[in-house]
Amino acid sequence: MEARVYDYFAEKFNGTHLQGYVGTTFAKLQDLLGEGMGGGDKTTQEWCIEFSDGTVATIYDWKEYGTPMGHYDWHIGGTERRAVQLVEDLLAGRIMIVENFEA
């Protein structure tokens, strides 16, 4: 299994919604996933991830006044609960991040 991190909000992430949470720090997310996309209407930071099996996930804070820097229960969005397990596996190093999936 591999994962690709997007630096923009692609159409495939439309319709994602809260599936669960992952407890970690902003620094760990930034080290692993990069800078993120900044915030939107109700977020200060967000990452969009596609897994090689087609599962999509977003990681974001929700209704915070500033990006949480300490330990925080980050929201995991997706279209199915599997997104939560895949994000947990990604953070644990069991899934590798790649630029593009093999054709």
C-alpha atoms as a PDB file:
ATOM      1  CA  MET A   1       0.000   0.000   0.000  1.00  0.00           C
ATOM      2  CA  GLU A   2       1.180   3.493  -0.861  1.00  0.00           C
ATOM      3  CA  ALA A   3      -0.182   6.987  -0.300  1.00  0.00           C
ATOM      4  CA  ARG A   4      -0.023  10.244  -2.200  1.00  0.00           C
ATOM      5  CA  VAL A   5      -0.341  13.612  -0.448  1.00  0.00           C
ATOM      6  CA  TYR A   6      -1.954  16.373  -2.497  1.00  0.00           C
ATOM      7  CA  ASP A   7      -0.969  20.024  -2.216  1.00  0.00           C
ATOM      8  CA  TYR A   8      -4.395  21.099  -3.450  1.00  0.00           C
ATOM      9  CA  PHE A   9      -8.022  20.099  -2.836  1.00  0.00           C
ATOM     10  CA  ALA A  10      -8.776  17.791  -5.784  1.00  0.00           C
ATOM     11  CA  GLU A  11     -12.350  16.983  -6.796  1.00  0.00           C
ATOM     12  CA  LYS A  12     -11.964  13.413  -5.467  1.00  0.00           C
ATOM     13  CA  PHE A  13     -11.985  14.842  -1.917  1.00  0.00           C
ATOM     14  CA  ASN A  14     -15.426  16.445  -2.331  1.00  0.00           C
ATOM     15  CA  GLY A  15     -18.021  14.778  -0.152  1.00  0.00           C
ATOM     16  CA  THR A  16     -15.613  13.553   2.502  1.00  0.00           C
ATOM     17  CA  HIS A  17     -16.869  13.844   6.042  1.00  0.00           C
ATOM     18  CA  LEU A  18     -15.790  12.955   9.565  1.00  0.00           C
ATOM     19  CA  GLN A  19     -14.922   9.281   9.984  1.00  0.00           C
ATOM     20  CA  GLY A  20     -12.854   9.428  13.179  1.00  0.00           C
ATOM     21  CA  TYR A  21      -9.864  10.975  14.909  1.00  0.00           C
ATOM     22  CA  VAL A  22      -6.132  10.457  15.250  1.00  0.00           C
ATOM     23  CA  GLY A  23      -4.186  11.805  18.205  1.00  0.00           C
ATOM     24  CA  THR A  24      -0.876  13.358  17.190  1.00  0.00           C
ATOM     25  CA  THR A  25       0.931  16.676  16.933  1.00  0.00           C
ATOM     26  CA  PHE A  26       1.062  19.241  14.164  1.00  0.00           C
ATOM     27  CA  ALA A  27       4.846  18.791  14.013  1.00  0.00           C
ATOM     28  CA  LYS A  28       4.524  15.051  13.321  1.00  0.00           C
ATOM     29  CA  LEU A  29       1.935  15.641  10.603  1.00  0.00           C
ATOM     30  CA  GLN A  30       4.049  18.364   9.033  1.00  0.00           C
ATOM     31  CA  ASP A  31       7.219  16.224   9.141  1.00  0.00           C
ATOM     32  CA  LEU A  32       5.458  13.302   7.476  1.00  0.00           C
ATOM     33  CA  LEU A  33       2.975  14.995   5.141  1.00  0.00           C
ATOM     34  CA  GLY A  34       4.535  18.376   4.413  1.00  0.00           C
ATOM     35  CA  GLU A  35       3.244  21.882   4.919  1.00  0.00           C
ATOM     36  CA  GLY A  36      -0.427  21.138   4.351  1.00  0.00           C
ATOM     37  CA  MET A  37      -2.850  23.374   2.537  1.00  0.00           C
ATOM     38  CA  GLY A  38      -3.579  25.903   5.224  1.00  0.00           C
ATOM     39  CA  GLY A  39      -7.109  26.412   6.374  1.00  0.00           C
ATOM     40  CA  GLY A  40     -10.544  27.100   5.083  1.00  0.00           C
ATOM     41  CA  ASP A  41     -13.793  28.361   6.522  1.00  0.00           C
ATOM     42  CA  LYS A  42     -13.652  26.265   9.716  1.00  0.00           C
ATOM     43  CA  THR A  43     -10.137  24.794   9.618  1.00  0.00           C
ATOM     44  CA  THR A  44      -6.655  26.219  10.096  1.00  0.00           C
ATOM     45  CA  GLN A  45      -4.779  23.301   8.514  1.00  0.00           C
ATOM     46  CA  GLU A  46      -5.625  20.388   6.224  1.00  0.00           C
ATOM     47  CA  TRP A  47      -3.960  17.549   4.307  1.00  0.00           C
ATOM     48  CA  CYS A  48      -5.547  15.492   1.508  1.00  0.00           C
ATOM     49  CA  ILE A  49      -4.319  11.934   0.974  1.00  0.00           C
ATOM     50  CA  GLU A  50      -5.165   9.284  -1.598  1.00  0.00           C
ATOM     51  CA  PHE A  51      -4.219   5.661  -0.964  1.00  0.00           C
ATOM     52  CA  SER A  52      -3.291   3.231  -3.729  1.00  0.00           C
ATOM     53  CA  ASP A  53      -6.501   1.237  -3.168  1.00  0.00           C
ATOM     54  CA  GLY A  54      -8.542   4.361  -4.057  1.00  0.00           C
ATOM     55  CA  THR A  55      -9.459   5.350  -0.494  1.00  0.00           C
ATOM     56  CA  VAL A  56      -9.253   9.100   0.137  1.00  0.00           C
ATOM     57  CA  ALA A  57      -8.727  10.808   3.474  1.00  0.00           C
ATOM     58  CA  THR A  58      -8.399  14.306   4.829  1.00  0.00           C
ATOM     59  CA  ILE A  59      -6.739  15.275   8.093  1.00  0.00           C
ATOM     60  CA  TYR A  60      -7.822  18.591   9.577  1.00  0.00           C
ATOM     61  CA  ASP A  61      -8.533  20.569  12.718  1.00  0.00           C
ATOM     62  CA  TRP A  62     -12.054  21.873  13.257  1.00  0.00           C
ATOM     63  CA  LYS A  63     -13.232  25.210  14.603  1.00  0.00           C
ATOM     64  CA  GLU A  64      -9.952  26.092  16.298  1.00  0.00           C
ATOM     65  CA  TYR A  65      -8.760  29.693  16.627  1.00  0.00           C
ATOM     66  CA  GLY A  66      -5.212  28.685  15.716  1.00  0.00           C
ATOM     67  CA  THR A  67      -3.466  25.563  14.496  1.00  0.00           C
ATOM     68  CA  PRO A  68      -3.125  23.169  17.464  1.00  0.00           C
ATOM     69  CA  MET A  69       0.606  22.733  18.118  1.00  0.00           C
ATOM     70  CA  GLY A  70       0.523  20.225  20.974  1.00  0.00           C
ATOM     71  CA  HIS A  71      -1.136  16.831  21.071  1.00  0.00           C
ATOM     72  CA  TYR A  72      -4.549  17.125  19.401  1.00  0.00           C
ATOM     73  CA  ASP A  73      -7.239  14.761  18.188  1.00  0.00           C
ATOM     74  CA  TRP A  74      -7.081  15.613  14.481  1.00  0.00           C
ATOM     75  CA  HIS A  75     -10.205  14.920  12.461  1.00  0.00           C
ATOM     76  CA  ILE A  76     -10.040  12.302   9.720  1.00  0.00           C
ATOM     77  CA  GLY A  77     -12.433  12.795   6.859  1.00  0.00           C
ATOM     78  CA  GLY A  78     -13.239  10.296   4.157  1.00  0.00           C
ATOM     79  CA  THR A  79     -16.042   8.535   2.382  1.00  0.00           C
ATOM     80  CA  GLU A  80     -15.619   5.327   4.405  1.00  0.00           C
ATOM     81  CA  ARG A  81     -14.362   4.296   7.855  1.00  0.00           C
ATOM     82  CA  ARG A  82     -11.366   2.545   6.263  1.00  0.00           C
ATOM     83  CA  ALA A  83      -9.775   6.006   5.949  1.00  0.00           C
ATOM     84  CA  VAL A  84      -9.156   6.054   9.721  1.00  0.00           C
ATOM     85  CA  GLN A  85      -7.166   2.810   9.755  1.00  0.00           C
ATOM     86  CA  LEU A  86      -5.165   3.840   6.705  1.00  0.00           C
ATOM     87  CA  VAL A  87      -4.246   7.204   8.255  1.00  0.00           C
ATOM     88  CA  GLU A  88      -3.198   5.411  11.454  1.00  0.00           C
ATOM     89  CA  ASP A  89      -1.057   3.004   9.383  1.00  0.00           C
ATOM     90  CA  LEU A  90       0.462   5.930   7.490  1.00  0.00           C
ATOM     91  CA  LEU A  91       1.438   7.708  10.703  1.00  0.00           C
ATOM     92  CA  ALA A  92       2.891   4.468  12.088  1.00  0.00           C
ATOM     93  CA  GLY A  93       5.121   4.091   9.026  1.00  0.00           C
ATOM     94  CA  ARG A  94       3.343   1.040   7.610  1.00  0.00           C
ATOM     95  CA  ILE A  95       2.375   2.904   4.418  1.00  0.00           C
ATOM     96  CA  MET A  96       4.899   4.692   2.224  1.00  0.00           C
ATOM     97  CA  ILE A  97       4.287   8.121   0.696  1.00  0.00           C
ATOM     98  CA  VAL A  98       5.042   8.368  -3.031  1.00  0.00           C
ATOM     99  CA  GLU A  99       4.836  11.151  -5.619  1.00  0.00           C
ATOM    100  CA  ASN A 100       2.642   9.121  -7.989  1.00  0.00           C
ATOM    101  CA  PHE A 101       1.262   5.619  -8.006  1.00  0.00           C
ATOM    102  CA  GLU A 102       2.787   3.007 -10.303  1.00  0.00           C
ATOM    103  CA  ALA A 103       0.770   2.582 -13.490  1.00  0.00           C
END
